[in-house]
């Protein structure tokens, strides 16, 4: 269990470090996609559905939402 936590922490740290050169549009789209994927996976698992399908749908919707939010903020 400790190895899994360590690996996830390392991946999260490297992922966040890679975001420093992104535009605000890219950051908001990525953040929306990640939040949507996490929420979709959790909802899929809790309701007895497929966590994978929930993550895919939630990620797509979240990325779209993040992009639309950024476009609204720029206008």
N, C-alpha and C. Protein backbone atom coordinates (compact mmCIF):
# COMPACT_ATOMS: atom_id res chain seq x y z
N UNK A 1 0.82 -1.19 0.00
CA UNK A 1 0.00 0.00 0.00
C UNK A 1 0.86 1.26 0.00
N UNK A 2 1.97 1.24 0.75
CA UNK A 2 2.85 2.41 0.80
C UNK A 2 3.46 2.69 -0.56
N UNK A 3 3.77 1.64 -1.32
CA UNK A 3 4.35 1.83 -2.64
C UNK A 3 3.36 2.52 -3.58
N UNK A 4 2.09 2.17 -3.48
CA UNK A 4 1.08 2.78 -4.34
C UNK A 4 0.94 4.26 -4.00
N UNK A 5 0.90 4.59 -2.73
CA UNK A 5 0.78 5.99 -2.31
C UNK A 5 2.00 6.78 -2.77
N UNK A 6 3.17 6.21 -2.64
CA UNK A 6 4.39 6.88 -3.07
C UNK A 6 4.38 7.11 -4.58
N UNK A 7 3.96 6.10 -5.33
CA UNK A 7 3.91 6.24 -6.78
C UNK A 7 2.90 7.30 -7.20
N UNK A 8 1.73 7.31 -6.59
CA UNK A 8 0.72 8.31 -6.93
C UNK A 8 1.18 9.72 -6.57
N UNK A 9 1.87 9.86 -5.46
CA UNK A 9 2.39 11.16 -5.06
C UNK A 9 3.44 11.65 -6.06
N UNK A 10 4.30 10.76 -6.50
CA UNK A 10 5.33 11.13 -7.47
C UNK A 10 4.70 11.53 -8.81
N UNK A 11 3.72 10.78 -9.25
CA UNK A 11 3.05 11.10 -10.52
C UNK A 11 2.34 12.44 -10.42
N UNK A 12 1.67 12.69 -9.31
CA UNK A 12 0.97 13.96 -9.12
C UNK A 12 1.95 15.13 -9.11
N UNK A 13 3.07 14.96 -8.45
CA UNK A 13 4.07 16.02 -8.40
C UNK A 13 4.66 16.33 -9.76
N UNK A 14 4.97 15.29 -10.52
CA UNK A 14 5.53 15.50 -11.86
C UNK A 14 4.50 16.11 -12.80
N UNK A 15 3.25 15.71 -12.64
CA UNK A 15 2.19 16.26 -13.48
C UNK A 15 2.01 17.75 -13.21
N UNK A 16 1.99 18.12 -11.96
CA UNK A 16 1.82 19.53 -11.62
C UNK A 16 3.02 20.36 -12.06
N UNK A 17 4.19 19.81 -12.00
CA UNK A 17 5.38 20.53 -12.45
C UNK A 17 5.34 20.78 -13.95
N UNK A 18 4.72 19.90 -14.69
CA UNK A 18 4.62 20.06 -16.13
C UNK A 18 3.62 21.11 -16.57
N UNK A 19 2.81 21.60 -15.66
CA UNK A 19 1.77 22.59 -15.99
C UNK A 19 2.28 24.02 -15.96
N UNK A 20 3.51 24.25 -15.57
CA UNK A 20 3.98 25.62 -15.35
C UNK A 20 4.07 26.44 -16.63
N UNK A 21 4.30 25.82 -17.77
CA UNK A 21 4.44 26.57 -19.02
C UNK A 21 3.17 26.63 -19.84
N UNK A 22 2.05 26.24 -19.27
CA UNK A 22 0.79 26.20 -20.02
C UNK A 22 0.09 27.56 -19.99
N UNK A 23 -0.71 27.80 -21.03
CA UNK A 23 -1.55 29.00 -21.04
C UNK A 23 -2.71 28.79 -20.08
N UNK A 24 -3.44 29.86 -19.78
CA UNK A 24 -4.57 29.72 -18.87
C UNK A 24 -5.66 28.84 -19.49
N UNK A 25 -5.82 28.90 -20.79
CA UNK A 25 -6.81 28.04 -21.45
C UNK A 25 -6.45 26.57 -21.26
N UNK A 26 -5.19 26.24 -21.47
CA UNK A 26 -4.75 24.86 -21.30
C UNK A 26 -4.88 24.41 -19.85
N UNK A 27 -4.53 25.28 -18.91
CA UNK A 27 -4.62 24.92 -17.50
C UNK A 27 -6.06 24.69 -17.08
N UNK A 28 -6.96 25.55 -17.49
CA UNK A 28 -8.36 25.39 -17.11
C UNK A 28 -8.99 24.17 -17.76
N UNK A 29 -8.63 23.89 -19.00
CA UNK A 29 -9.15 22.71 -19.67
C UNK A 29 -8.65 21.44 -19.00
N UNK A 30 -7.37 21.40 -18.67
CA UNK A 30 -6.80 20.24 -18.00
C UNK A 30 -7.37 20.06 -16.60
N UNK A 31 -7.52 21.15 -15.87
CA UNK A 31 -8.08 21.07 -14.53
C UNK A 31 -9.52 20.58 -14.57
N UNK A 32 -10.30 21.11 -15.50
CA UNK A 32 -11.68 20.66 -15.66
C UNK A 32 -11.77 19.19 -16.02
N UNK A 33 -10.89 18.75 -16.91
CA UNK A 33 -10.88 17.34 -17.29
C UNK A 33 -10.50 16.42 -16.15
N UNK A 34 -9.51 16.83 -15.37
CA UNK A 34 -9.09 16.00 -14.24
C UNK A 34 -10.17 15.93 -13.17
N UNK A 35 -10.77 17.07 -12.87
CA UNK A 35 -11.84 17.09 -11.86
C UNK A 35 -13.04 16.29 -12.34
N UNK A 36 -13.38 16.43 -13.61
CA UNK A 36 -14.50 15.68 -14.16
C UNK A 36 -14.24 14.18 -14.16
N UNK A 37 -13.02 13.79 -14.49
CA UNK A 37 -12.68 12.36 -14.49
C UNK A 37 -12.75 11.77 -13.09
N UNK A 38 -12.24 12.51 -12.12
CA UNK A 38 -12.30 12.03 -10.74
C UNK A 38 -13.74 11.92 -10.25
N UNK A 39 -14.53 12.95 -10.52
CA UNK A 39 -15.92 12.93 -10.12
C UNK A 39 -16.71 11.85 -10.83
N UNK A 40 -16.47 11.68 -12.12
CA UNK A 40 -17.17 10.65 -12.88
C UNK A 40 -16.81 9.25 -12.43
N UNK A 41 -15.54 9.02 -12.12
CA UNK A 41 -15.12 7.71 -11.63
C UNK A 41 -15.76 7.41 -10.28
N UNK A 42 -15.76 8.42 -9.40
CA UNK A 42 -16.37 8.23 -8.08
C UNK A 42 -17.86 7.97 -8.20
N UNK A 43 -18.54 8.74 -9.03
CA UNK A 43 -19.97 8.55 -9.20
C UNK A 43 -20.28 7.19 -9.81
N UNK A 44 -19.48 6.77 -10.79
CA UNK A 44 -19.68 5.46 -11.40
C UNK A 44 -19.48 4.33 -10.41
N UNK A 45 -18.48 4.47 -9.56
CA UNK A 45 -18.21 3.43 -8.57
C UNK A 45 -19.28 3.37 -7.49
N UNK A 46 -19.75 4.54 -7.05
CA UNK A 46 -20.75 4.60 -5.98
C UNK A 46 -22.10 4.06 -6.44
N UNK A 47 -22.46 4.35 -7.68
CA UNK A 47 -23.77 3.94 -8.18
C UNK A 47 -23.78 2.50 -8.69
N UNK A 48 -22.67 1.85 -8.68
CA UNK A 48 -22.61 0.46 -9.14
C UNK A 48 -22.36 0.34 -10.63
N UNK A 49 -22.13 1.45 -11.28
CA UNK A 49 -21.84 1.44 -12.71
C UNK A 49 -20.34 1.24 -12.95
N UNK A 50 -19.92 1.55 -14.13
CA UNK A 50 -18.52 1.41 -14.49
C UNK A 50 -17.75 2.68 -14.12
N UNK A 51 -16.74 2.54 -13.29
CA UNK A 51 -15.91 3.69 -12.92
C UNK A 51 -15.14 4.20 -14.12
N UNK A 52 -14.73 3.30 -15.01
CA UNK A 52 -14.00 3.70 -16.20
C UNK A 52 -14.86 4.55 -17.12
N UNK A 53 -16.08 4.11 -17.36
CA UNK A 53 -16.99 4.88 -18.21
C UNK A 53 -17.29 6.23 -17.57
N UNK A 54 -17.50 6.25 -16.27
CA UNK A 54 -17.74 7.50 -15.56
C UNK A 54 -16.57 8.45 -15.68
N UNK A 55 -15.36 7.91 -15.58
CA UNK A 55 -14.16 8.75 -15.70
C UNK A 55 -14.02 9.32 -17.10
N UNK A 56 -14.29 8.51 -18.10
CA UNK A 56 -14.18 8.99 -19.49
C UNK A 56 -15.20 10.08 -19.78
N UNK A 57 -16.44 9.83 -19.40
CA UNK A 57 -17.49 10.83 -19.65
C UNK A 57 -17.26 12.09 -18.81
N UNK A 58 -16.93 11.91 -17.54
CA UNK A 58 -16.68 13.05 -16.68
C UNK A 58 -15.47 13.87 -17.14
N UNK A 59 -14.44 13.19 -17.60
CA UNK A 59 -13.26 13.89 -18.10
C UNK A 59 -13.56 14.71 -19.34
N UNK A 60 -14.34 14.14 -20.25
CA UNK A 60 -14.70 14.86 -21.47
C UNK A 60 -15.57 16.08 -21.14
N UNK A 61 -16.56 15.87 -20.28
CA UNK A 61 -17.44 16.99 -19.91
C UNK A 61 -16.68 18.05 -19.11
N UNK A 62 -15.81 17.61 -18.23
CA UNK A 62 -15.03 18.56 -17.44
C UNK A 62 -14.06 19.37 -18.29
N UNK A 63 -13.42 18.74 -19.26
CA UNK A 63 -12.51 19.46 -20.15
C UNK A 63 -13.28 20.49 -20.98
N UNK A 64 -14.43 20.08 -21.47
CA UNK A 64 -15.27 21.02 -22.21
C UNK A 64 -15.72 22.18 -21.35
N UNK A 65 -16.11 21.88 -20.11
CA UNK A 65 -16.52 22.92 -19.19
C UNK A 65 -15.39 23.87 -18.84
N UNK A 66 -14.20 23.34 -18.64
CA UNK A 66 -13.05 24.18 -18.35
C UNK A 66 -12.71 25.10 -19.51
N UNK A 67 -12.81 24.57 -20.72
CA UNK A 67 -12.54 25.38 -21.91
C UNK A 67 -13.58 26.49 -22.05
N UNK A 68 -14.86 26.13 -21.90
CA UNK A 68 -15.92 27.13 -22.02
C UNK A 68 -15.81 28.21 -20.93
N UNK A 69 -15.45 27.80 -19.73
CA UNK A 69 -15.24 28.76 -18.65
C UNK A 69 -14.14 29.75 -19.01
N UNK A 70 -13.04 29.23 -19.55
CA UNK A 70 -11.94 30.10 -19.93
C UNK A 70 -12.36 31.09 -21.02
N UNK A 71 -13.12 30.61 -22.00
CA UNK A 71 -13.57 31.49 -23.07
C UNK A 71 -14.50 32.57 -22.53
N UNK A 72 -15.33 32.24 -21.57
CA UNK A 72 -16.22 33.23 -20.97
C UNK A 72 -15.43 34.27 -20.17
N UNK A 73 -14.37 33.82 -19.49
CA UNK A 73 -13.54 34.75 -18.71
C UNK A 73 -12.76 35.69 -19.62
N UNK A 74 -12.37 35.24 -20.81
CA UNK A 74 -11.60 36.08 -21.72
C UNK A 74 -12.47 37.14 -22.38
N UNK A 75 -13.76 36.87 -22.51
CA UNK A 75 -14.66 37.84 -23.15
C UNK A 75 -15.04 38.90 -22.23
